[in-house]
Amino acid sequence: MWAVTLIFLGLGLLGPAWSYGLVALVSAFQVVYFIRKTGNWSEFETQVRWAYLGLAVFGLLDPTRLLFLLMFLTTAMVVFFDQRLVEMILRRMPWNKKITGGS
């Protein structure tokens, strides 16, 4: 699904603004999919999709579309290099800290 999102983001950057709506739609689909898969709306995999959906919706409000350019670059990192900036940020959030061992 990340590749589909990347295609829609790239298409939007080339001109057709309607493709940004498809980015939000694909992101919403992923949220629903991961809620059903994990059975929990706050599971880490689902949090990543919630964050991406939030960025997509917020990006629709940005007349400069700079957020979509940033999303395109970070999604390309996911597709081509398996590096997820959103995951790296979410892992550092206090609610995702796991206490392991005795430390």
N, C-alpha and C. Protein backbone atom coordinates (compact mmCIF):
# COMPACT_ATOMS: atom_id res chain seq x y z
N MET A 1 0.80 -1.21 0.00
CA MET A 1 0.00 0.00 0.00
C MET A 1 0.85 1.27 0.00
N TRP A 2 2.07 1.17 0.55
CA TRP A 2 2.93 2.35 0.54
C TRP A 2 3.27 2.76 -0.89
N ALA A 3 3.45 1.79 -1.77
CA ALA A 3 3.76 2.10 -3.17
C ALA A 3 2.59 2.81 -3.83
N VAL A 4 1.37 2.39 -3.53
CA VAL A 4 0.18 3.04 -4.08
C VAL A 4 0.11 4.48 -3.60
N THR A 5 0.37 4.67 -2.31
CA THR A 5 0.38 6.02 -1.75
C THR A 5 1.44 6.88 -2.42
N LEU A 6 2.61 6.30 -2.64
CA LEU A 6 3.69 7.04 -3.30
C LEU A 6 3.28 7.46 -4.71
N ILE A 7 2.61 6.59 -5.43
CA ILE A 7 2.15 6.91 -6.79
C ILE A 7 1.17 8.08 -6.76
N PHE A 8 0.20 8.03 -5.83
CA PHE A 8 -0.78 9.12 -5.74
C PHE A 8 -0.13 10.44 -5.32
N LEU A 9 0.84 10.36 -4.40
CA LEU A 9 1.55 11.58 -4.00
C LEU A 9 2.33 12.16 -5.17
N GLY A 10 3.03 11.30 -5.91
CA GLY A 10 3.78 11.75 -7.07
C GLY A 10 2.89 12.35 -8.13
N LEU A 11 1.75 11.71 -8.35
CA LEU A 11 0.79 12.23 -9.32
C LEU A 11 0.31 13.62 -8.90
N GLY A 12 0.02 13.78 -7.61
CA GLY A 12 -0.43 15.08 -7.11
C GLY A 12 0.62 16.16 -7.28
N LEU A 13 1.87 15.79 -7.06
CA LEU A 13 2.94 16.77 -7.22
C LEU A 13 3.11 17.18 -8.68
N LEU A 14 2.70 16.31 -9.60
CA LEU A 14 2.78 16.65 -11.02
C LEU A 14 1.61 17.50 -11.50
N GLY A 15 0.54 17.57 -10.69
CA GLY A 15 -0.56 18.43 -11.12
C GLY A 15 -1.93 18.13 -10.57
N PRO A 16 -2.49 16.94 -10.84
CA PRO A 16 -3.88 16.70 -10.44
C PRO A 16 -4.08 16.68 -8.92
N ALA A 17 -4.71 17.73 -8.40
CA ALA A 17 -4.90 17.86 -6.95
C ALA A 17 -5.81 16.77 -6.39
N TRP A 18 -6.68 16.17 -7.21
CA TRP A 18 -7.60 15.14 -6.71
C TRP A 18 -6.86 13.92 -6.19
N SER A 19 -5.62 13.72 -6.63
CA SER A 19 -4.88 12.55 -6.18
C SER A 19 -4.52 12.65 -4.69
N TYR A 20 -4.47 13.86 -4.14
CA TYR A 20 -4.23 14.01 -2.71
C TYR A 20 -5.40 13.47 -1.90
N GLY A 21 -6.59 13.61 -2.42
CA GLY A 21 -7.75 13.01 -1.78
C GLY A 21 -7.64 11.50 -1.75
N LEU A 22 -7.07 10.93 -2.81
CA LEU A 22 -6.86 9.48 -2.85
C LEU A 22 -5.81 9.05 -1.83
N VAL A 23 -4.83 9.90 -1.58
CA VAL A 23 -3.83 9.60 -0.54
C VAL A 23 -4.54 9.49 0.81
N ALA A 24 -5.42 10.44 1.10
CA ALA A 24 -6.17 10.41 2.36
C ALA A 24 -7.08 9.18 2.41
N LEU A 25 -7.69 8.83 1.29
CA LEU A 25 -8.57 7.66 1.24
C LEU A 25 -7.79 6.36 1.47
N VAL A 26 -6.65 6.21 0.84
CA VAL A 26 -5.81 5.03 1.04
C VAL A 26 -5.34 4.97 2.49
N SER A 27 -4.99 6.12 3.06
CA SER A 27 -4.56 6.16 4.45
C SER A 27 -5.70 5.76 5.39
N ALA A 28 -6.91 6.23 5.11
CA ALA A 28 -8.07 5.85 5.92
C ALA A 28 -8.33 4.35 5.81
N PHE A 29 -8.19 3.81 4.62
CA PHE A 29 -8.35 2.37 4.42
C PHE A 29 -7.33 1.59 5.26
N GLN A 30 -6.09 2.08 5.28
CA GLN A 30 -5.06 1.40 6.06
C GLN A 30 -5.36 1.45 7.56
N VAL A 31 -5.90 2.56 8.04
CA VAL A 31 -6.28 2.65 9.45
C VAL A 31 -7.31 1.59 9.77
N VAL A 32 -8.37 1.51 8.96
CA VAL A 32 -9.42 0.52 9.19
C VAL A 32 -8.86 -0.89 9.10
N TYR A 33 -8.02 -1.14 8.12
CA TYR A 33 -7.43 -2.47 7.95
C TYR A 33 -6.63 -2.88 9.19
N PHE A 34 -5.80 -1.97 9.69
CA PHE A 34 -4.96 -2.33 10.83
C PHE A 34 -5.75 -2.40 12.14
N ILE A 35 -6.82 -1.63 12.25
CA ILE A 35 -7.69 -1.78 13.43
C ILE A 35 -8.31 -3.17 13.42
N ARG A 36 -8.78 -3.60 12.26
CA ARG A 36 -9.38 -4.94 12.16
C ARG A 36 -8.33 -6.03 12.35
N LYS A 37 -7.13 -5.81 11.81
CA LYS A 37 -6.07 -6.81 11.91
C LYS A 37 -5.59 -6.99 13.34
N THR A 38 -5.36 -5.88 14.04
CA THR A 38 -4.81 -5.95 15.39
C THR A 38 -5.89 -6.00 16.47
N GLY A 39 -7.08 -5.55 16.12
CA GLY A 39 -8.15 -5.52 17.10
C GLY A 39 -8.02 -4.37 18.10
N ASN A 40 -7.12 -3.44 17.81
CA ASN A 40 -6.87 -2.35 18.75
C ASN A 40 -6.51 -1.10 17.96
N TRP A 41 -7.23 -0.02 18.21
CA TRP A 41 -6.98 1.22 17.47
C TRP A 41 -5.68 1.90 17.88
N SER A 42 -5.11 1.51 19.05
CA SER A 42 -3.89 2.18 19.52
C SER A 42 -2.64 1.30 19.37
N GLU A 43 -2.76 0.17 18.72
CA GLU A 43 -1.59 -0.69 18.46
C GLU A 43 -0.58 0.11 17.62
N PHE A 44 0.70 -0.19 17.78
CA PHE A 44 1.74 0.63 17.14
C PHE A 44 1.56 0.71 15.63
N GLU A 45 1.31 -0.42 14.98
CA GLU A 45 1.12 -0.40 13.51
C GLU A 45 -0.03 0.52 13.12
N THR A 46 -1.07 0.52 13.93
CA THR A 46 -2.22 1.37 13.65
C THR A 46 -1.89 2.84 13.92
N GLN A 47 -1.09 3.10 14.95
CA GLN A 47 -0.68 4.48 15.24
C GLN A 47 0.05 5.10 14.04
N VAL A 48 0.88 4.30 13.39
CA VAL A 48 1.61 4.80 12.22
C VAL A 48 0.61 5.24 11.15
N ARG A 49 -0.40 4.42 10.93
CA ARG A 49 -1.41 4.76 9.90
C ARG A 49 -2.24 5.95 10.32
N TRP A 50 -2.58 6.07 11.62
CA TRP A 50 -3.32 7.24 12.12
C TRP A 50 -2.50 8.51 11.85
N ALA A 51 -1.21 8.45 12.17
CA ALA A 51 -0.35 9.62 11.97
C ALA A 51 -0.30 10.00 10.49
N TYR A 52 -0.18 9.01 9.63
CA TYR A 52 -0.11 9.29 8.19
C TYR A 52 -1.43 9.86 7.69
N LEU A 53 -2.54 9.32 8.19
CA LEU A 53 -3.86 9.86 7.81
C LEU A 53 -3.98 11.32 8.27
N GLY A 54 -3.52 11.58 9.49
CA GLY A 54 -3.56 12.96 9.98
C GLY A 54 -2.74 13.90 9.12
N LEU A 55 -1.57 13.45 8.72
CA LEU A 55 -0.73 14.28 7.84
C LEU A 55 -1.42 14.51 6.49
N ALA A 56 -2.06 13.46 5.97
CA ALA A 56 -2.73 13.58 4.67
C ALA A 56 -3.89 14.57 4.74
N VAL A 57 -4.69 14.49 5.80
CA VAL A 57 -5.82 15.40 5.95
C VAL A 57 -5.32 16.83 6.19
N PHE A 58 -4.33 16.97 7.05
CA PHE A 58 -3.76 18.29 7.30
C PHE A 58 -3.13 18.85 6.02
N GLY A 59 -2.52 18.00 5.22
CA GLY A 59 -1.93 18.43 3.96
C GLY A 59 -2.95 18.98 2.98
N LEU A 60 -4.18 18.47 3.07
CA LEU A 60 -5.24 18.99 2.19
C LEU A 60 -5.56 20.45 2.50
N LEU A 61 -5.27 20.87 3.73
CA LEU A 61 -5.54 22.25 4.15
C LEU A 61 -4.39 23.20 3.81
N ASP A 62 -3.25 22.65 3.42
CA ASP A 62 -2.05 23.45 3.13
C ASP A 62 -2.06 23.88 1.67
N PRO A 63 -2.27 25.18 1.41
CA PRO A 63 -2.34 25.63 0.02
C PRO A 63 -1.01 25.50 -0.74
N THR A 64 0.12 25.44 -0.01
CA THR A 64 1.41 25.34 -0.68
C THR A 64 1.75 23.91 -1.08
N ARG A 65 1.08 22.94 -0.46
CA ARG A 65 1.30 21.50 -0.71
C ARG A 65 2.71 21.06 -0.33
N LEU A 66 3.41 21.84 0.50
CA LEU A 66 4.75 21.45 0.94
C LEU A 66 4.71 20.19 1.80
N LEU A 67 3.66 20.03 2.58
CA LEU A 67 3.54 18.83 3.40
C LEU A 67 3.47 17.58 2.53
N PHE A 68 2.80 17.67 1.39
CA PHE A 68 2.73 16.53 0.48
C PHE A 68 4.09 16.22 -0.14
N LEU A 69 4.89 17.24 -0.36
CA LEU A 69 6.25 16.99 -0.85
C LEU A 69 7.05 16.23 0.21
N LEU A 70 6.93 16.65 1.47
CA LEU A 70 7.59 15.95 2.56
C LEU A 70 7.07 14.51 2.68
N MET A 71 5.76 14.34 2.55
CA MET A 71 5.18 13.00 2.59
C MET A 71 5.69 12.14 1.44
N PHE A 72 5.84 12.74 0.27
CA PHE A 72 6.37 12.00 -0.89
C PHE A 72 7.78 11.50 -0.59
N LEU A 73 8.61 12.37 -0.06
CA LEU A 73 10.00 11.99 0.23
C LEU A 73 10.07 10.90 1.30
N THR A 74 9.29 11.04 2.36
CA THR A 74 9.34 10.02 3.42
C THR A 74 8.70 8.71 2.98
N THR A 75 7.68 8.77 2.14
CA THR A 75 7.08 7.54 1.62
C THR A 75 8.04 6.85 0.65
N ALA A 76 8.79 7.62 -0.12
CA ALA A 76 9.81 7.03 -0.98
C ALA A 76 10.86 6.31 -0.15
N MET A 77 11.19 6.87 1.03
CA MET A 77 12.12 6.20 1.93
C MET A 77 11.58 4.83 2.38
N VAL A 78 10.27 4.78 2.61
CA VAL A 78 9.65 3.52 3.00
C VAL A 78 9.70 2.51 1.86
N VAL A 79 9.30 2.95 0.68
CA VAL A 79 9.20 2.05 -0.46
C VAL A 79 10.57 1.55 -0.91
N PHE A 80 11.55 2.44 -0.99
CA PHE A 80 12.83 2.06 -1.56
C PHE A 80 13.88 1.62 -0.55
N PHE A 81 13.80 2.13 0.69
CA PHE A 81 14.85 1.84 1.67
C PHE A 81 14.34 1.21 2.96
N ASP A 82 13.03 1.02 3.08
CA ASP A 82 12.41 0.44 4.27
C ASP A 82 12.73 1.25 5.53
N GLN A 83 12.83 2.56 5.39
CA GLN A 83 13.07 3.47 6.51
C GLN A 83 11.80 4.28 6.74
N ARG A 84 11.29 4.24 7.97
CA ARG A 84 10.02 4.90 8.28
C ARG A 84 10.22 6.01 9.31
N LEU A 85 10.20 7.25 8.85
CA LEU A 85 10.38 8.39 9.72
C LEU A 85 9.26 8.48 10.75
N VAL A 86 8.03 8.26 10.34
CA VAL A 86 6.90 8.33 11.26
C VAL A 86 7.06 7.31 12.38
N GLU A 87 7.50 6.09 12.03
CA GLU A 87 7.72 5.06 13.05
C GLU A 87 8.83 5.48 14.01
N MET A 88 9.89 6.04 13.48
CA MET A 88 11.01 6.44 14.35
C MET A 88 10.55 7.51 15.35
N ILE A 89 9.70 8.42 14.91
CA ILE A 89 9.18 9.46 15.80
C ILE A 89 8.21 8.86 16.81
N LEU A 90 7.29 8.02 16.35
CA LEU A 90 6.31 7.43 17.26
C LEU A 90 6.95 6.53 18.31
N ARG A 91 8.01 5.85 17.97
CA ARG A 91 8.69 4.98 18.95
C ARG A 91 9.22 5.79 20.14
N ARG A 92 9.47 7.06 19.95
CA ARG A 92 10.01 7.90 21.01
C ARG A 92 8.93 8.57 21.85
N MET A 93 7.67 8.36 21.50
CA MET A 93 6.59 8.95 22.28
C MET A 93 6.45 8.22 23.61
N PRO A 94 6.09 8.93 24.67
CA PRO A 94 6.02 8.32 26.00
C PRO A 94 5.09 7.11 26.09
N TRP A 95 3.98 7.13 25.37
CA TRP A 95 3.04 6.02 25.46
C TRP A 95 3.54 4.75 24.76
N ASN A 96 4.62 4.85 24.01
CA ASN A 96 5.19 3.68 23.34
C ASN A 96 6.46 3.15 24.02
N LYS A 97 6.82 3.73 25.16
CA LYS A 97 7.99 3.25 25.90
C LYS A 97 7.61 1.93 26.58
N LYS A 98 8.38 0.91 26.32
CA LYS A 98 8.17 -0.40 26.94
C LYS A 98 9.26 -0.62 27.98
N ILE A 99 8.86 -1.04 29.16
CA ILE A 99 9.84 -1.39 30.19
C ILE A 99 10.21 -2.84 30.01
N THR A 100 11.49 -3.09 29.72
CA THR A 100 11.97 -4.46 29.53
C THR A 100 13.03 -4.77 30.56
N GLY A 101 13.09 -6.00 30.97
CA GLY A 101 14.09 -6.40 31.95
C GLY A 101 13.88 -5.71 33.26
N GLY A 102 14.94 -5.33 33.92
CA GLY A 102 14.83 -4.66 35.21
C GLY A 102 15.18 -3.20 35.14
N SER A 103 15.37 -2.66 33.94
CA SER A 103 15.81 -1.27 33.86
C SER A 103 14.75 -0.32 33.47
